[in-house]
Amino acid sequence: MALQSIKNLKEFSTANERFEGAHLLCPGCAHSMIVRELMNATDDNLVIASATGCLEVCTA
């Protein structure tokens, strides 16, 4: 399966949110902003992994 291209700015700005806003991370947390941008950049299925910390605990 070939990967799709990254969305352009117009597609990115009008895309549906893939990262739910009901997480318990601190407001303005860099973890949530980074994951949100990664998930919204493409429509491909993604697996995002990171070290155990607040990101995994607060989004379970």
N, C-alpha and C. Protein backbone atom coordinates (compact mmCIF):
# COMPACT_ATOMS: atom_id res chain seq x y z
N MET A 1 0.84 -1.18 0.00
CA MET A 1 0.00 0.00 0.00
C MET A 1 0.89 1.24 0.00
N ALA A 2 0.69 2.09 -0.95
CA ALA A 2 1.49 3.31 -1.05
C ALA A 2 0.93 4.38 -0.11
N LEU A 3 1.83 5.14 0.48
CA LEU A 3 1.40 6.23 1.35
C LEU A 3 0.87 7.38 0.52
N GLN A 4 -0.13 8.04 1.04
CA GLN A 4 -0.66 9.22 0.38
C GLN A 4 0.25 10.40 0.68
N SER A 5 0.12 11.44 -0.11
CA SER A 5 0.95 12.62 0.13
C SER A 5 0.43 13.41 1.33
N ILE A 6 1.30 14.21 1.88
CA ILE A 6 0.92 15.10 2.98
C ILE A 6 -0.06 16.14 2.44
N LYS A 7 -1.01 16.52 3.26
CA LYS A 7 -2.02 17.49 2.84
C LYS A 7 -1.40 18.87 2.61
N ASN A 8 -1.96 19.60 1.66
CA ASN A 8 -1.53 20.99 1.50
C ASN A 8 -2.23 21.84 2.55
N LEU A 9 -1.91 23.11 2.62
CA LEU A 9 -2.42 23.98 3.69
C LEU A 9 -3.94 24.08 3.69
N LYS A 10 -4.56 24.18 2.51
CA LYS A 10 -6.02 24.29 2.45
C LYS A 10 -6.67 23.00 2.94
N GLU A 11 -6.16 21.85 2.50
CA GLU A 11 -6.71 20.57 2.95
C GLU A 11 -6.51 20.40 4.46
N PHE A 12 -5.35 20.81 4.94
CA PHE A 12 -5.03 20.68 6.36
C PHE A 12 -5.96 21.53 7.22
N SER A 13 -6.24 22.75 6.77
CA SER A 13 -7.05 23.67 7.57
C SER A 13 -8.52 23.30 7.60
N THR A 14 -8.98 22.53 6.62
CA THR A 14 -10.39 22.14 6.58
C THR A 14 -10.63 20.68 6.94
N ALA A 15 -9.59 19.98 7.35
CA ALA A 15 -9.70 18.55 7.66
C ALA A 15 -10.44 18.33 8.98
N ASN A 16 -11.09 17.18 9.08
CA ASN A 16 -11.74 16.79 10.33
C ASN A 16 -10.68 16.48 11.38
N GLU A 17 -11.01 16.76 12.63
CA GLU A 17 -10.09 16.46 13.72
C GLU A 17 -10.00 14.96 13.93
N ARG A 18 -8.79 14.45 14.08
CA ARG A 18 -8.59 13.03 14.36
C ARG A 18 -8.17 12.81 15.80
N PHE A 19 -7.80 13.86 16.50
CA PHE A 19 -7.39 13.77 17.91
C PHE A 19 -8.50 14.38 18.74
N GLU A 20 -9.14 13.57 19.54
CA GLU A 20 -10.29 14.03 20.32
C GLU A 20 -9.90 15.08 21.35
N GLY A 21 -10.75 16.03 21.56
CA GLY A 21 -10.48 17.11 22.51
C GLY A 21 -10.80 16.75 23.95
N ALA A 22 -11.26 15.54 24.21
CA ALA A 22 -11.66 15.16 25.56
C ALA A 22 -10.52 14.55 26.37
N HIS A 23 -9.28 14.81 25.97
CA HIS A 23 -8.15 14.27 26.72
C HIS A 23 -7.96 15.07 28.02
N LEU A 24 -7.18 14.53 28.92
CA LEU A 24 -6.95 15.18 30.22
C LEU A 24 -5.58 15.84 30.32
N LEU A 25 -4.97 16.12 29.18
CA LEU A 25 -3.68 16.80 29.20
C LEU A 25 -3.86 18.26 29.58
N CYS A 26 -2.81 18.86 30.09
CA CYS A 26 -2.88 20.26 30.51
C CYS A 26 -3.18 21.15 29.30
N PRO A 27 -3.97 22.21 29.50
CA PRO A 27 -4.24 23.14 28.40
C PRO A 27 -2.93 23.72 27.86
N GLY A 28 -2.77 23.71 26.56
CA GLY A 28 -1.55 24.23 25.95
C GLY A 28 -0.39 23.27 25.98
N CYS A 29 -0.63 22.03 26.37
CA CYS A 29 0.43 21.02 26.46
C CYS A 29 1.02 20.76 25.07
N ALA A 30 2.33 20.76 24.99
CA ALA A 30 3.00 20.54 23.70
C ALA A 30 2.73 19.13 23.16
N HIS A 31 2.59 18.15 24.05
CA HIS A 31 2.33 16.78 23.59
C HIS A 31 1.05 16.72 22.77
N SER A 32 0.00 17.32 23.28
CA SER A 32 -1.28 17.24 22.57
C SER A 32 -1.23 18.00 21.24
N MET A 33 -0.54 19.12 21.21
CA MET A 33 -0.45 19.89 19.96
C MET A 33 0.34 19.13 18.90
N ILE A 34 1.43 18.50 19.30
CA ILE A 34 2.26 17.75 18.35
C ILE A 34 1.50 16.56 17.80
N VAL A 35 0.86 15.79 18.66
CA VAL A 35 0.11 14.62 18.21
C VAL A 35 -1.05 15.04 17.31
N ARG A 36 -1.73 16.11 17.66
CA ARG A 36 -2.83 16.62 16.84
C ARG A 36 -2.34 16.97 15.44
N GLU A 37 -1.23 17.69 15.34
CA GLU A 37 -0.70 18.08 14.04
C GLU A 37 -0.27 16.86 13.23
N LEU A 38 0.36 15.89 13.88
CA LEU A 38 0.77 14.66 13.18
C LEU A 38 -0.44 13.91 12.63
N MET A 39 -1.46 13.77 13.45
CA MET A 39 -2.63 13.01 13.03
C MET A 39 -3.43 13.71 11.94
N ASN A 40 -3.47 15.02 11.97
CA ASN A 40 -4.24 15.77 10.98
C ASN A 40 -3.47 15.99 9.68
N ALA A 41 -2.18 15.69 9.66
CA ALA A 41 -1.37 15.94 8.46
C ALA A 41 -1.65 14.96 7.34
N THR A 42 -2.20 13.80 7.66
CA THR A 42 -2.46 12.79 6.64
C THR A 42 -3.72 12.01 6.99
N ASP A 43 -4.31 11.39 5.99
CA ASP A 43 -5.48 10.54 6.23
C ASP A 43 -5.08 9.08 6.37
N ASP A 44 -3.78 8.79 6.25
CA ASP A 44 -3.30 7.42 6.40
C ASP A 44 -3.52 6.94 7.83
N ASN A 45 -3.59 5.62 8.00
CA ASN A 45 -3.63 5.06 9.35
C ASN A 45 -2.27 5.27 9.99
N LEU A 46 -2.27 5.69 11.24
CA LEU A 46 -1.02 5.98 11.94
C LEU A 46 -0.91 5.19 13.23
N VAL A 47 0.32 4.86 13.59
CA VAL A 47 0.62 4.33 14.91
C VAL A 47 1.61 5.30 15.51
N ILE A 48 1.22 5.94 16.60
CA ILE A 48 2.08 6.92 17.25
C ILE A 48 2.52 6.32 18.58
N ALA A 49 3.81 6.22 18.77
CA ALA A 49 4.35 5.63 20.00
C ALA A 49 5.32 6.61 20.65
N SER A 50 5.33 6.62 21.95
CA SER A 50 6.27 7.46 22.69
C SER A 50 6.54 6.80 24.04
N ALA A 51 7.49 7.35 24.76
CA ALA A 51 7.81 6.81 26.08
C ALA A 51 6.61 6.98 27.00
N THR A 52 6.49 6.08 27.97
CA THR A 52 5.39 6.17 28.91
C THR A 52 5.46 7.49 29.66
N GLY A 53 4.35 8.17 29.70
CA GLY A 53 4.28 9.46 30.37
C GLY A 53 2.86 9.96 30.34
N CYS A 54 2.71 11.25 30.51
CA CYS A 54 1.36 11.81 30.60
C CYS A 54 0.56 11.63 29.32
N LEU A 55 1.21 11.59 28.17
CA LEU A 55 0.48 11.43 26.90
C LEU A 55 -0.30 10.12 26.88
N GLU A 56 0.32 9.03 27.28
CA GLU A 56 -0.37 7.74 27.28
C GLU A 56 -1.39 7.64 28.41
N VAL A 57 -1.08 8.18 29.54
CA VAL A 57 -1.96 8.07 30.70
C VAL A 57 -3.22 8.92 30.52
N CYS A 58 -3.08 10.09 29.94
CA CYS A 58 -4.20 11.03 29.85
C CYS A 58 -5.07 10.85 28.62
N THR A 59 -4.67 10.03 27.67
CA THR A 59 -5.46 9.86 26.45
C THR A 59 -6.02 8.45 26.31
N ALA A 60 -5.89 7.65 27.34
CA ALA A 60 -6.35 6.25 27.26
C ALA A 60 -7.85 6.16 27.18
